[in-house]
């Protein structure tokens, strides 16, 4: 009898995740090593992460990138999306 394994794939690397190396967060499955902050690439734990639109962040970077502006509609280039859209519309 052969071991059938699991069919669950890691959201980050798309490889098979086995039960001993599995983390489930936000309805997705990850390898423990793939559960990392999008901004600093630091290893996350279930107790110290936040996510926005399916992207994982450590608590300090989530606070820095989103909470400081008071808006979750923030671009990482420094210009809010609403301002960019206004500039594009003015140029037409």
PDB file of N, CA and C in Angstrom:
ATOM      1  N   UNK A   1       0.840  -1.179   0.000  1.00  0.00           N
ATOM      2  CA  UNK A   1       0.000   0.000   0.000  1.00  0.00           C
ATOM      3  C   UNK A   1       0.888   1.247   0.000  1.00  0.00           C
ATOM      4  N   UNK A   2       0.719   2.089  -0.973  1.00  0.00           N
ATOM      5  CA  UNK A   2       1.522   3.299  -1.106  1.00  0.00           C
ATOM      6  C   UNK A   2       0.850   4.458  -0.383  1.00  0.00           C
ATOM      7  N   UNK A   3       1.686   5.363   0.110  1.00  0.00           N
ATOM      8  CA  UNK A   3       1.185   6.559   0.773  1.00  0.00           C
ATOM      9  C   UNK A   3       0.650   7.517  -0.283  1.00  0.00           C
ATOM     10  N   UNK A   4      -0.603   7.908  -0.155  1.00  0.00           N
ATOM     11  CA  UNK A   4      -1.238   8.765  -1.156  1.00  0.00           C
ATOM     12  C   UNK A   4      -0.855  10.230  -0.991  1.00  0.00           C
ATOM     13  N   UNK A   5      -0.492  10.677   0.226  1.00  0.00           N
ATOM     14  CA  UNK A   5      -0.106  12.068   0.444  1.00  0.00           C
ATOM     15  C   UNK A   5      -1.314  12.970   0.515  1.00  0.00           C
ATOM     16  N   UNK A   6      -1.096  14.221   0.244  1.00  0.00           N
ATOM     17  CA  UNK A   6      -2.156  15.220   0.311  1.00  0.00           C
ATOM     18  C   UNK A   6      -2.218  15.976  -1.004  1.00  0.00           C
ATOM     19  N   UNK A   7      -3.345  16.526  -1.285  1.00  0.00           N
ATOM     20  CA  UNK A   7      -3.516  17.285  -2.519  1.00  0.00           C
ATOM     21  C   UNK A   7      -3.482  18.794  -2.268  1.00  0.00           C
ATOM     22  N   UNK A   8      -3.273  19.192  -1.005  1.00  0.00           N
ATOM     23  CA  UNK A   8      -3.257  20.620  -0.701  1.00  0.00           C
ATOM     24  C   UNK A   8      -1.958  21.254  -1.188  1.00  0.00           C
ATOM     25  N   UNK A   9      -2.092  22.421  -1.806  1.00  0.00           N
ATOM     26  CA  UNK A   9      -0.939  23.145  -2.345  1.00  0.00           C
ATOM     27  C   UNK A   9      -0.738  24.442  -1.574  1.00  0.00           C
ATOM     28  N   UNK A  10       0.524  24.789  -1.361  1.00  0.00           N
ATOM     29  CA  UNK A  10       0.883  26.032  -0.676  1.00  0.00           C
ATOM     30  C   UNK A  10       0.491  27.221  -1.560  1.00  0.00           C
ATOM     31  N   UNK A  11      -0.145  28.223  -0.966  1.00  0.00           N
ATOM     32  CA  UNK A  11      -0.555  29.414  -1.721  1.00  0.00           C
ATOM     33  C   UNK A  11       0.651  30.197  -2.234  1.00  0.00           C
ATOM     34  N   UNK A  12       1.763  30.152  -1.506  1.00  0.00           N
ATOM     35  CA  UNK A  12       2.947  30.930  -1.886  1.00  0.00           C
ATOM     36  C   UNK A  12       3.777  30.264  -2.982  1.00  0.00           C
ATOM     37  N   UNK A  13       4.017  28.952  -2.852  1.00  0.00           N
ATOM     38  CA  UNK A  13       4.928  28.286  -3.797  1.00  0.00           C
ATOM     39  C   UNK A  13       4.251  27.258  -4.699  1.00  0.00           C
ATOM     40  N   UNK A  14       2.974  26.969  -4.440  1.00  0.00           N
ATOM     41  CA  UNK A  14       2.190  26.034  -5.237  1.00  0.00           C
ATOM     42  C   UNK A  14       2.676  24.580  -5.169  1.00  0.00           C
ATOM     43  N   UNK A  15       3.504  24.262  -4.175  1.00  0.00           N
ATOM     44  CA  UNK A  15       3.960  22.883  -4.001  1.00  0.00           C
ATOM     45  C   UNK A  15       3.098  22.182  -2.958  1.00  0.00           C
ATOM     46  N   UNK A  16       3.139  20.857  -2.946  1.00  0.00           N
ATOM     47  CA  UNK A  16       2.349  20.067  -2.009  1.00  0.00           C
ATOM     48  C   UNK A  16       2.749  20.368  -0.575  1.00  0.00           C
ATOM     49  N   UNK A  17       1.743  20.514   0.286  1.00  0.00           N
ATOM     50  CA  UNK A  17       1.971  20.774   1.707  1.00  0.00           C
ATOM     51  C   UNK A  17       1.563  19.529   2.493  1.00  0.00           C
ATOM     52  N   UNK A  18       2.484  18.987   3.269  1.00  0.00           N
ATOM     53  CA  UNK A  18       2.198  17.842   4.113  1.00  0.00           C
ATOM     54  C   UNK A  18       1.778  18.324   5.493  1.00  0.00           C
ATOM     55  N   UNK A  19       1.020  17.513   6.185  1.00  0.00           N
ATOM     56  CA  UNK A  19       0.399  17.891   7.449  1.00  0.00           C
ATOM     57  C   UNK A  19       1.411  18.410   8.473  1.00  0.00           C
ATOM     58  N   UNK A  20       2.583  17.814   8.560  1.00  0.00           N
ATOM     59  CA  UNK A  20       3.567  18.228   9.569  1.00  0.00           C
ATOM     60  C   UNK A  20       4.150  19.613   9.291  1.00  0.00           C
ATOM     61  N   UNK A  21       4.037  20.101   8.059  1.00  0.00           N
ATOM     62  CA  UNK A  21       4.607  21.398   7.676  1.00  0.00           C
ATOM     63  C   UNK A  21       3.515  22.395   7.279  1.00  0.00           C
ATOM     64  N   UNK A  22       2.292  22.189   7.704  1.00  0.00           N
ATOM     65  CA  UNK A  22       1.153  22.962   7.236  1.00  0.00           C
ATOM     66  C   UNK A  22       0.712  24.042   8.215  1.00  0.00           C
ATOM     67  N   UNK A  23       0.451  25.227   7.668  1.00  0.00           N
ATOM     68  CA  UNK A  23      -0.198  26.316   8.395  1.00  0.00           C
ATOM     69  C   UNK A  23      -1.411  26.733   7.573  1.00  0.00           C
ATOM     70  N   UNK A  24      -2.523  26.991   8.226  1.00  0.00           N
ATOM     71  CA  UNK A  24      -3.717  27.473   7.540  1.00  0.00           C
ATOM     72  C   UNK A  24      -4.051  28.860   8.068  1.00  0.00           C
ATOM     73  N   UNK A  25      -4.089  29.825   7.159  1.00  0.00           N
ATOM     74  CA  UNK A  25      -4.399  31.203   7.532  1.00  0.00           C
ATOM     75  C   UNK A  25      -5.232  31.836   6.430  1.00  0.00           C
ATOM     76  N   UNK A  26      -6.239  32.585   6.807  1.00  0.00           N
ATOM     77  CA  UNK A  26      -7.131  33.258   5.857  1.00  0.00           C
ATOM     78  C   UNK A  26      -7.719  32.289   4.826  1.00  0.00           C
ATOM     79  N   UNK A  27      -7.970  31.071   5.248  1.00  0.00           N
ATOM     80  CA  UNK A  27      -8.573  30.084   4.358  1.00  0.00           C
ATOM     81  C   UNK A  27      -7.617  29.487   3.345  1.00  0.00           C
ATOM     82  N   UNK A  28      -6.333  29.759   3.470  1.00  0.00           N
ATOM     83  CA  UNK A  28      -5.325  29.225   2.555  1.00  0.00           C
ATOM     84  C   UNK A  28      -4.310  28.392   3.331  1.00  0.00           C
ATOM     85  N   UNK A  29      -3.660  27.493   2.618  1.00  0.00           N
ATOM     86  CA  UNK A  29      -2.667  26.611   3.219  1.00  0.00           C
ATOM     87  C   UNK A  29      -1.276  27.079   2.803  1.00  0.00           C
ATOM     88  N   UNK A  30      -0.338  27.065   3.766  1.00  0.00           N
ATOM     89  CA  UNK A  30       1.041  27.475   3.521  1.00  0.00           C
ATOM     90  C   UNK A  30       1.998  26.466   4.139  1.00  0.00           C
ATOM     91  N   UNK A  31       3.225  26.377   3.591  1.00  0.00           N
ATOM     92  CA  UNK A  31       4.324  25.729   4.308  1.00  0.00           C
ATOM     93  C   UNK A  31       4.726  26.688   5.429  1.00  0.00           C
ATOM     94  N   UNK A  32       5.258  26.176   6.513  1.00  0.00           N
ATOM     95  CA  UNK A  32       5.721  27.056   7.591  1.00  0.00           C
ATOM     96  C   UNK A  32       6.779  28.028   7.071  1.00  0.00           C
ATOM     97  N   UNK A  33       7.657  27.556   6.201  1.00  0.00           N
ATOM     98  CA  UNK A  33       8.734  28.403   5.670  1.00  0.00           C
ATOM     99  C   UNK A  33       8.232  29.428   4.652  1.00  0.00           C
ATOM    100  N   UNK A  34       7.081  29.191   4.039  1.00  0.00           N
ATOM    101  CA  UNK A  34       6.533  30.116   3.034  1.00  0.00           C
ATOM    102  C   UNK A  34       5.625  31.182   3.642  1.00  0.00           C
ATOM    103  N   UNK A  35       5.324  31.068   4.921  1.00  0.00           N
ATOM    104  CA  UNK A  35       4.428  31.993   5.605  1.00  0.00           C
ATOM    105  C   UNK A  35       5.260  33.208   6.012  1.00  0.00           C
ATOM    106  N   UNK A  36       5.426  34.181   5.073  1.00  0.00           N
ATOM    107  CA  UNK A  36       6.336  35.303   5.243  1.00  0.00           C
ATOM    108  C   UNK A  36       5.667  36.630   4.913  1.00  0.00           C
ATOM    109  N   UNK A  37       6.212  37.692   5.501  1.00  0.00           N
ATOM    110  CA  UNK A  37       5.740  39.053   5.250  1.00  0.00           C
ATOM    111  C   UNK A  37       6.085  39.461   3.809  1.00  0.00           C
ATOM    112  N   UNK A  38       5.117  40.028   3.111  1.00  0.00           N
ATOM    113  CA  UNK A  38       5.324  40.469   1.739  1.00  0.00           C
ATOM    114  C   UNK A  38       6.321  41.622   1.657  1.00  0.00           C
ATOM    115  N   UNK A  39       6.381  42.446   2.684  1.00  0.00           N
ATOM    116  CA  UNK A  39       7.224  43.645   2.668  1.00  0.00           C
ATOM    117  C   UNK A  39       8.672  43.354   3.063  1.00  0.00           C
ATOM    118  N   UNK A  40       8.881  42.648   4.184  1.00  0.00           N
ATOM    119  CA  UNK A  40      10.246  42.433   4.691  1.00  0.00           C
ATOM    120  C   UNK A  40      10.730  40.987   4.538  1.00  0.00           C
ATOM    121  N   UNK A  41       9.848  40.101   4.113  1.00  0.00           N
ATOM    122  CA  UNK A  41      10.161  38.676   3.923  1.00  0.00           C
ATOM    123  C   UNK A  41      10.474  37.966   5.244  1.00  0.00           C
ATOM    124  N   UNK A  42      10.079  38.559   6.356  1.00  0.00           N
ATOM    125  CA  UNK A  42      10.288  37.937   7.662  1.00  0.00           C
ATOM    126  C   UNK A  42       9.302  36.804   7.887  1.00  0.00           C
ATOM    127  N   UNK A  43       9.723  35.792   8.623  1.00  0.00           N
ATOM    128  CA  UNK A  43       8.867  34.658   8.931  1.00  0.00           C
ATOM    129  C   UNK A  43       7.731  35.083   9.846  1.00  0.00           C
ATOM    130  N   UNK A  44       6.525  34.659   9.517  1.00  0.00           N
ATOM    131  CA  UNK A  44       5.349  35.011  10.294  1.00  0.00           C
ATOM    132  C   UNK A  44       4.887  33.834  11.142  1.00  0.00           C
ATOM    133  N   UNK A  45       4.104  34.157  12.156  1.00  0.00           N
ATOM    134  CA  UNK A  45       3.429  33.160  12.978  1.00  0.00           C
ATOM    135  C   UNK A  45       1.951  33.500  12.942  1.00  0.00           C
ATOM    136  N   UNK A  46       1.116  32.544  13.307  1.00  0.00           N
ATOM    137  CA  UNK A  46      -0.321  32.804  13.316  1.00  0.00           C
ATOM    138  C   UNK A  46      -0.692  33.914  14.294  1.00  0.00           C
ATOM    139  N   UNK A  47       0.152  34.147  15.283  1.00  0.00           N
ATOM    140  CA  UNK A  47      -0.144  35.166  16.290  1.00  0.00           C
ATOM    141  C   UNK A  47       0.360  36.556  15.921  1.00  0.00           C
ATOM    142  N   UNK A  48       1.174  36.696  14.853  1.00  0.00           N
ATOM    143  CA  UNK A  48       1.759  38.015  14.563  1.00  0.00           C
ATOM    144  C   UNK A  48       1.629  38.451  13.109  1.00  0.00           C
ATOM    145  N   UNK A  49       0.564  38.047  12.438  1.00  0.00           N
ATOM    146  CA  UNK A  49       0.428  38.465  11.046  1.00  0.00           C
ATOM    147  C   UNK A  49      -0.883  39.206  10.829  1.00  0.00           C
ATOM    148  N   UNK A  50      -0.925  39.971   9.752  1.00  0.00           N
ATOM    149  CA  UNK A  50      -2.142  40.617   9.269  1.00  0.00           C
ATOM    150  C   UNK A  50      -2.167  40.409   7.764  1.00  0.00           C
ATOM    151  N   UNK A  51      -3.346  40.493   7.190  1.00  0.00           N
ATOM    152  CA  UNK A  51      -3.424  40.364   5.735  1.00  0.00           C
ATOM    153  C   UNK A  51      -4.378  41.401   5.175  1.00  0.00           C
ATOM    154  N   UNK A  52      -4.112  41.798   3.958  1.00  0.00           N
ATOM    155  CA  UNK A  52      -4.964  42.729   3.241  1.00  0.00           C
ATOM    156  C   UNK A  52      -5.045  42.273   1.800  1.00  0.00           C
ATOM    157  N   UNK A  53      -6.257  42.004   1.324  1.00  0.00           N
ATOM    158  CA  UNK A  53      -6.490  41.515  -0.035  1.00  0.00           C
ATOM    159  C   UNK A  53      -5.662  40.271  -0.332  1.00  0.00           C
ATOM    160  N   UNK A  54      -5.522  39.389   0.657  1.00  0.00           N
ATOM    161  CA  UNK A  54      -4.820  38.126   0.469  1.00  0.00           C
ATOM    162  C   UNK A  54      -3.307  38.210   0.566  1.00  0.00           C
ATOM    163  N   UNK A  55      -2.760  39.390   0.832  1.00  0.00           N
ATOM    164  CA  UNK A  55      -1.317  39.572   0.954  1.00  0.00           C
ATOM    165  C   UNK A  55      -0.964  39.605   2.439  1.00  0.00           C
ATOM    166  N   UNK A  56       0.046  38.843   2.829  1.00  0.00           N
ATOM    167  CA  UNK A  56       0.430  38.719   4.234  1.00  0.00           C
ATOM    168  C   UNK A  56       1.477  39.752   4.624  1.00  0.00           C
ATOM    169  N   UNK A  57       1.331  40.284   5.836  1.00  0.00           N
ATOM    170  CA  UNK A  57       2.275  41.254   6.390  1.00  0.00           C
ATOM    171  C   UNK A  57       2.520  40.941   7.854  1.00  0.00           C
ATOM    172  N   UNK A  58       3.696  41.309   8.371  1.00  0.00           N
ATOM    173  CA  UNK A  58       3.925  41.270   9.808  1.00  0.00           C
ATOM    174  C   UNK A  58       3.182  42.466  10.403  1.00  0.00           C
ATOM    175  N   UNK A  59       2.867  42.395  11.680  1.00  0.00           N
ATOM    176  CA  UNK A  59       2.095  43.470  12.318  1.00  0.00           C
ATOM    177  C   UNK A  59       2.763  44.842  12.183  1.00  0.00           C
ATOM    178  N   UNK A  60       4.094  44.966  12.425  1.00  0.00           N
ATOM    179  CA  UNK A  60       4.713  46.297  12.294  1.00  0.00           C
ATOM    180  C   UNK A  60       4.589  46.891  10.894  1.00  0.00           C
ATOM    181  N   UNK A  61       4.778  46.081   9.839  1.00  0.00           N
ATOM    182  CA  UNK A  61       4.688  46.619   8.488  1.00  0.00           C
ATOM    183  C   UNK A  61       3.243  46.872   8.068  1.00  0.00           C
ATOM    184  N   UNK A  62       2.317  46.066   8.535  1.00  0.00           N
ATOM    185  CA  UNK A  62       0.906  46.339   8.256  1.00  0.00           C
ATOM    186  C   UNK A  62       0.523  47.690   8.845  1.00  0.00           C
ATOM    187  N   UNK A  63       0.919  47.925  10.098  1.00  0.00           N
ATOM    188  CA  UNK A  63       0.643  49.209  10.737  1.00  0.00           C
ATOM    189  C   UNK A  63       1.312  50.357   9.985  1.00  0.00           C
ATOM    190  N   UNK A  64       2.557  50.167   9.601  1.00  0.00           N
ATOM    191  CA  UNK A  64       3.321  51.211   8.915  1.00  0.00           C
ATOM    192  C   UNK A  64       2.713  51.530   7.546  1.00  0.00           C
ATOM    193  N   UNK A  65       2.328  50.511   6.802  1.00  0.00           N
ATOM    194  CA  UNK A  65       1.881  50.719   5.432  1.00  0.00           C
ATOM    195  C   UNK A  65       0.421  51.144   5.311  1.00  0.00           C
ATOM    196  N   UNK A  66      -0.411  50.749   6.269  1.00  0.00           N
ATOM    197  CA  UNK A  66      -1.834  51.003   6.114  1.00  0.00           C
ATOM    198  C   UNK A  66      -2.438  51.895   7.196  1.00  0.00           C
ATOM    199  N   UNK A  67      -2.136  51.644   8.433  1.00  0.00           N
ATOM    200  CA  UNK A  67      -2.801  52.370   9.511  1.00  0.00           C
ATOM    201  C   UNK A  67      -2.350  53.817   9.616  1.00  0.00           C
ATOM    202  N   UNK A  68      -1.120  54.112   9.294  1.00  0.00           N
ATOM    203  CA  UNK A  68      -0.610  55.477   9.433  1.00  0.00           C
ATOM    204  C   UNK A  68      -1.357  56.449   8.521  1.00  0.00           C
ATOM    205  N   UNK A  69      -1.763  55.987   7.347  1.00  0.00           N
ATOM    206  CA  UNK A  69      -2.450  56.862   6.404  1.00  0.00           C
ATOM    207  C   UNK A  69      -3.917  57.034   6.736  1.00  0.00           C
ATOM    208  N   UNK A  70      -4.443  56.128   7.564  1.00  0.00           N
ATOM    209  CA  UNK A  70      -5.862  56.175   7.881  1.00  0.00           C
ATOM    210  C   UNK A  70      -6.722  55.638   6.761  1.00  0.00           C
ATOM    211  N   UNK A  71      -6.090  55.048   5.756  1.00  0.00           N
ATOM    212  CA  UNK A  71      -6.823  54.527   4.610  1.00  0.00           C
ATOM    213  C   UNK A  71      -6.198  53.224   4.165  1.00  0.00           C
ATOM    214  N   UNK A  72      -7.032  52.279   3.790  1.00  0.00           N
ATOM    215  CA  UNK A  72      -6.510  51.031   3.233  1.00  0.00           C
ATOM    216  C   UNK A  72      -6.378  51.139   1.719  1.00  0.00           C
ATOM    217  N   UNK A  73      -6.651  52.307   1.154  1.00  0.00           N
ATOM    218  CA  UNK A  73      -6.541  52.532  -0.279  1.00  0.00           C
ATOM    219  C   UNK A  73      -5.217  53.237  -0.561  1.00  0.00           C
ATOM    220  N   UNK A  74      -4.114  52.608  -0.167  1.00  0.00           N
ATOM    221  CA  UNK A  74      -2.800  53.217  -0.265  1.00  0.00           C
ATOM    222  C   UNK A  74      -1.946  52.481  -1.289  1.00  0.00           C
ATOM    223  N   UNK A  75      -1.223  53.223  -2.045  1.00  0.00           N
ATOM    224  CA  UNK A  75      -0.264  52.665  -2.978  1.00  0.00           C
ATOM    225  C   UNK A  75       1.106  52.653  -2.315  1.00  0.00           C
ATOM    226  N   UNK A  76       1.952  51.679  -2.628  1.00  0.00           N
ATOM    227  CA  UNK A  76       3.267  51.596  -2.007  1.00  0.00           C
ATOM    228  C   UNK A  76       4.265  52.557  -2.642  1.00  0.00           C
ATOM    229  N   UNK A  77       3.911  53.201  -3.734  1.00  0.00           N
ATOM    230  CA  UNK A  77       4.815  54.163  -4.352  1.00  0.00           C
ATOM    231  C   UNK A  77       4.765  55.508  -3.656  1.00  0.00           C
ATOM    232  N   UNK A  78       3.877  55.680  -2.693  1.00  0.00           N
ATOM    233  CA  UNK A  78       3.819  56.927  -1.947  1.00  0.00           C
ATOM    234  C   UNK A  78       2.691  57.840  -2.364  1.00  0.00           C
ATOM    235  N   UNK A  79       2.068  57.602  -3.519  1.00  0.00           N
ATOM    236  CA  UNK A  79       0.957  58.412  -3.975  1.00  0.00           C
ATOM    237  C   UNK A  79      -0.317  57.593  -3.858  1.00  0.00           C
ATOM    238  N   UNK A  80      -1.314  58.075  -3.132  1.00  0.00           N
ATOM    239  CA  UNK A  80      -2.569  57.338  -3.014  1.00  0.00           C
ATOM    240  C   UNK A  80      -3.194  57.068  -4.380  1.00  0.00           C
ATOM    241  N   UNK A  81      -3.888  55.942  -4.507  1.00  0.00           N
ATOM    242  CA  UNK A  81      -4.501  55.554  -5.776  1.00  0.00           C
ATOM    243  C   UNK A  81      -5.461  56.609  -6.290  1.00  0.00           C
ATOM    244  N   UNK A  82      -6.216  57.256  -5.405  1.00  0.00           N
ATOM    245  CA  UNK A  82      -7.186  58.261  -5.827  1.00  0.00           C
ATOM    246  C   UNK A  82      -6.491  59.429  -6.519  1.00  0.00           C
ATOM    247  N   UNK A  83      -5.334  59.843  -6.016  1.00  0.00           N
ATOM    248  CA  UNK A  83      -4.582  60.946  -6.621  1.00  0.00           C
ATOM    249  C   UNK A  83      -4.065  60.528  -7.988  1.00  0.00           C
ATOM    250  N   UNK A  84      -3.580  59.304  -8.124  1.00  0.00           N
ATOM    251  CA  UNK A  84      -3.097  58.819  -9.417  1.00  0.00           C
ATOM    252  C   UNK A  84      -4.215  58.819 -10.450  1.00  0.00           C
ATOM    253  N   UNK A  85      -5.409  58.345 -10.054  1.00  0.00           N
ATOM    254  CA  UNK A  85      -6.531  58.303 -10.973  1.00  0.00           C
ATOM    255  C   UNK A  85      -6.926  59.703 -11.423  1.00  0.00           C
ATOM    256  N   UNK A  86      -6.900  60.694 -10.521  1.00  0.00           N
ATOM    257  CA  UNK A  86      -7.224  62.070 -10.880  1.00  0.00           C
ATOM    258  C   UNK A  86      -6.232  62.618 -11.905  1.00  0.00           C
ATOM    259  N   UNK A  87      -4.940  62.304 -11.702  1.00  0.00           N
ATOM    260  CA  UNK A  87      -3.915  62.770 -12.629  1.00  0.00           C
ATOM    261  C   UNK A  87      -4.107  62.160 -14.010  1.00  0.00           C
ATOM    262  N   UNK A  88      -4.472  60.866 -14.062  1.00  0.00           N
ATOM    263  CA  UNK A  88      -4.711  60.210 -15.331  1.00  0.00           C
ATOM    264  C   UNK A  88      -5.917  60.832 -16.053  1.00  0.00           C
ATOM    265  N   UNK A  89      -6.975  61.143 -15.317  1.00  0.00           N
ATOM    266  CA  UNK A  89      -8.176  61.725 -15.910  1.00  0.00           C
ATOM    267  C   UNK A  89      -7.921  63.137 -16.407  1.00  0.00           C
ATOM    268  N   UNK A  90      -7.079  63.912 -15.714  1.00  0.00           N
ATOM    269  CA  UNK A  90      -6.755  65.273 -16.137  1.00  0.00           C
ATOM    270  C   UNK A  90      -5.952  65.269 -17.431  1.00  0.00           C
ATOM    271  N   UNK A  91      -5.166  64.217 -17.650  1.00  0.00           N
ATOM    272  CA  UNK A  91      -4.313  64.158 -18.820  1.00  0.00           C
ATOM    273  C   UNK A  91      -5.041  63.742 -20.084  1.00  0.00           C
ATOM    274  N   UNK A  92      -6.275  63.303 -19.986  1.00  0.00           N
ATOM    275  CA  UNK A  92      -7.014  62.831 -21.170  1.00  0.00           C
ATOM    276  C   UNK A  92      -7.582  63.952 -21.978  1.00  0.00           C
TER     277      UNK A  92
END
